[in-house]
Structure formats: C-alpha cells, structure tokens
C-alpha cells in the first residue's frame, strides 16, 4: 500500500508520488540514516506517539 491510505499495496503510490508514502520512501530514509526499514517504521510509530502527547490539538478530529 502506499503505507498511509490503507490499500495494502506497499509499493503503489496510488498515482500520487511525493504525497503517499511507499515502502521505497521508507527504505530510502532508512538507508540514508544507517538503519533498517523495521527500525525506521518503529521510530515513526514512537515519534508519532510522543508527538501526539506533546501536540494533541494537531491530532484532534
């Protein structure tokens, strides 16, 4: 999925390159930071949880 829309196709940007996040985007970021895709995804999840606590208004409906 584009990792954000829910289509479950990790390599398909749904015709919106630079907008929807694909596996390749995460892989490129992981490689650039000397980490793995799994580590990058875990970091994204942890950072999101922290940011949600720090800025709840940004996540409101």
N, C-alpha and C. Protein backbone atom coordinates (compact mmCIF):
# COMPACT_ATOMS: atom_id res chain seq x y z
N UNK A 1 0.84 -1.16 0.00
CA UNK A 1 0.00 0.00 0.00
C UNK A 1 0.88 1.21 0.00
N UNK A 2 0.41 2.25 -0.53
CA UNK A 2 1.05 3.44 -0.07
C UNK A 2 0.81 3.28 1.42
N UNK A 3 1.78 3.39 2.21
CA UNK A 3 1.72 3.00 3.62
C UNK A 3 0.71 3.81 4.43
N UNK A 4 0.13 4.81 3.84
CA UNK A 4 -0.77 5.67 4.61
C UNK A 4 -2.23 5.59 4.20
N UNK A 5 -2.59 5.03 3.06
CA UNK A 5 -4.00 5.11 2.64
C UNK A 5 -4.82 3.89 3.01
N UNK A 6 -4.18 2.76 3.24
CA UNK A 6 -4.90 1.56 3.62
C UNK A 6 -5.18 0.60 2.48
N UNK A 7 -4.65 0.85 1.30
CA UNK A 7 -4.89 -0.03 0.16
C UNK A 7 -4.13 -1.36 0.28
N UNK A 8 -3.17 -1.41 1.20
CA UNK A 8 -2.37 -2.61 1.48
C UNK A 8 -1.42 -3.00 0.34
N UNK A 9 -1.01 -2.03 -0.47
CA UNK A 9 -0.03 -2.26 -1.54
C UNK A 9 1.18 -1.37 -1.26
N UNK A 10 2.18 -1.94 -0.60
CA UNK A 10 3.31 -1.17 -0.06
C UNK A 10 4.13 -0.44 -1.11
N UNK A 11 4.03 -0.86 -2.36
CA UNK A 11 4.88 -0.29 -3.40
C UNK A 11 4.11 0.58 -4.39
N UNK A 12 2.85 0.87 -4.09
CA UNK A 12 1.98 1.61 -5.01
C UNK A 12 1.69 2.99 -4.42
N UNK A 13 2.12 4.03 -5.11
CA UNK A 13 1.87 5.38 -4.60
C UNK A 13 0.48 5.90 -4.98
N UNK A 14 -0.34 5.03 -5.56
CA UNK A 14 -1.71 5.36 -5.94
C UNK A 14 -1.78 6.55 -6.89
N UNK A 15 -0.74 6.71 -7.69
CA UNK A 15 -0.71 7.80 -8.66
C UNK A 15 -0.40 9.16 -8.06
N UNK A 16 0.07 9.16 -6.80
CA UNK A 16 0.38 10.42 -6.14
C UNK A 16 1.80 10.38 -5.57
N UNK A 17 2.81 10.33 -6.46
CA UNK A 17 4.19 10.31 -5.96
C UNK A 17 4.50 11.58 -5.18
N UNK A 18 5.25 11.42 -4.11
CA UNK A 18 5.60 12.57 -3.29
C UNK A 18 4.50 12.95 -2.31
N UNK A 19 3.37 12.27 -2.40
CA UNK A 19 2.26 12.53 -1.47
C UNK A 19 2.06 11.30 -0.60
N UNK A 20 1.74 10.16 -1.23
CA UNK A 20 1.57 8.92 -0.49
C UNK A 20 2.92 8.29 -0.19
N UNK A 21 3.04 7.65 0.96
CA UNK A 21 4.29 7.09 1.44
C UNK A 21 4.37 5.62 1.03
N UNK A 22 5.43 5.25 0.34
CA UNK A 22 5.62 3.86 -0.08
C UNK A 22 6.78 3.21 0.68
N UNK A 23 6.87 1.90 0.53
CA UNK A 23 7.99 1.17 1.11
C UNK A 23 9.31 1.78 0.64
N UNK A 24 9.38 2.13 -0.63
CA UNK A 24 10.61 2.69 -1.18
C UNK A 24 11.00 3.99 -0.49
N UNK A 25 10.03 4.80 -0.13
CA UNK A 25 10.31 6.04 0.61
C UNK A 25 10.93 5.73 1.97
N UNK A 26 10.34 4.77 2.67
CA UNK A 26 10.85 4.41 3.99
C UNK A 26 12.23 3.77 3.86
N UNK A 27 12.43 2.93 2.85
CA UNK A 27 13.72 2.29 2.63
C UNK A 27 14.79 3.32 2.34
N UNK A 28 14.47 4.30 1.52
CA UNK A 28 15.43 5.37 1.18
C UNK A 28 15.81 6.14 2.45
N UNK A 29 14.84 6.46 3.28
CA UNK A 29 15.11 7.17 4.53
C UNK A 29 15.92 6.30 5.48
N UNK A 30 15.58 5.04 5.58
CA UNK A 30 16.33 4.13 6.46
C UNK A 30 17.78 4.03 6.01
N UNK A 31 17.99 3.82 4.72
CA UNK A 31 19.36 3.72 4.20
C UNK A 31 20.15 5.00 4.48
N UNK A 32 19.52 6.14 4.28
CA UNK A 32 20.20 7.42 4.47
C UNK A 32 20.59 7.64 5.93
N UNK A 33 19.86 7.01 6.84
CA UNK A 33 20.13 7.16 8.26
C UNK A 33 20.84 5.96 8.86
N UNK A 34 21.27 5.03 8.03
CA UNK A 34 22.02 3.87 8.50
C UNK A 34 21.21 2.94 9.39
N UNK A 35 19.94 2.78 9.07
CA UNK A 35 19.06 1.92 9.86
C UNK A 35 18.30 0.97 8.94
N UNK A 36 17.45 0.14 9.50
CA UNK A 36 16.64 -0.78 8.69
C UNK A 36 15.24 -0.22 8.51
N UNK A 37 14.52 -0.80 7.57
CA UNK A 37 13.12 -0.41 7.37
C UNK A 37 12.33 -0.64 8.65
N UNK A 38 12.51 -1.80 9.28
CA UNK A 38 11.78 -2.08 10.52
C UNK A 38 12.09 -1.05 11.60
N UNK A 39 13.35 -0.69 11.73
CA UNK A 39 13.72 0.31 12.73
C UNK A 39 13.13 1.68 12.38
N UNK A 40 13.14 2.03 11.11
CA UNK A 40 12.56 3.31 10.68
C UNK A 40 11.07 3.35 10.98
N UNK A 41 10.35 2.26 10.69
CA UNK A 41 8.92 2.22 10.97
C UNK A 41 8.64 2.30 12.47
N UNK A 42 9.46 1.62 13.26
CA UNK A 42 9.31 1.69 14.72
C UNK A 42 9.57 3.11 15.22
N UNK A 43 10.58 3.75 14.68
CA UNK A 43 10.88 5.14 15.06
C UNK A 43 9.73 6.06 14.69
N UNK A 44 9.14 5.87 13.52
CA UNK A 44 7.98 6.67 13.11
C UNK A 44 6.85 6.48 14.11
N UNK A 45 6.57 5.25 14.49
CA UNK A 45 5.48 4.98 15.43
C UNK A 45 5.76 5.61 16.80
N UNK A 46 6.98 5.45 17.30
CA UNK A 46 7.33 6.02 18.60
C UNK A 46 7.27 7.54 18.57
N UNK A 47 7.79 8.12 17.50
CA UNK A 47 7.78 9.58 17.37
C UNK A 47 6.35 10.10 17.29
N UNK A 48 5.50 9.40 16.57
CA UNK A 48 4.10 9.80 16.46
C UNK A 48 3.43 9.77 17.83
N UNK A 49 3.67 8.73 18.60
CA UNK A 49 3.07 8.65 19.93
C UNK A 49 3.54 9.80 20.82
N UNK A 50 4.82 10.09 20.78
CA UNK A 50 5.34 11.20 21.58
C UNK A 50 4.75 12.52 21.12
N UNK A 51 4.71 12.73 19.81
CA UNK A 51 4.19 13.98 19.27
C UNK A 51 2.71 14.13 19.58
N UNK A 52 1.98 13.02 19.55
CA UNK A 52 0.55 13.05 19.89
C UNK A 52 0.36 13.56 21.32
N UNK A 53 1.23 13.14 22.23
CA UNK A 53 1.17 13.62 23.60
C UNK A 53 1.58 15.08 23.73
N UNK A 54 2.58 15.48 22.95
CA UNK A 54 3.08 16.85 23.00
C UNK A 54 2.17 17.85 22.31
N UNK A 55 1.45 17.42 21.28
CA UNK A 55 0.62 18.31 20.46
C UNK A 55 -0.73 17.68 20.17
N UNK A 56 -1.53 17.37 21.18
CA UNK A 56 -2.81 16.67 20.94
C UNK A 56 -3.75 17.43 20.01
N UNK A 57 -3.65 18.74 20.02
CA UNK A 57 -4.56 19.53 19.17
C UNK A 57 -4.33 19.26 17.68
N UNK A 58 -3.12 18.87 17.33
CA UNK A 58 -2.82 18.57 15.92
C UNK A 58 -3.48 17.26 15.48
N UNK A 59 -3.83 16.40 16.43
CA UNK A 59 -4.39 15.10 16.12
C UNK A 59 -5.90 15.05 16.33
N UNK A 60 -6.48 16.12 16.78
CA UNK A 60 -7.92 16.16 17.03
C UNK A 60 -8.68 16.09 15.72
N UNK A 61 -9.78 15.32 15.73
CA UNK A 61 -10.70 15.15 14.61
C UNK A 61 -10.42 15.96 13.44
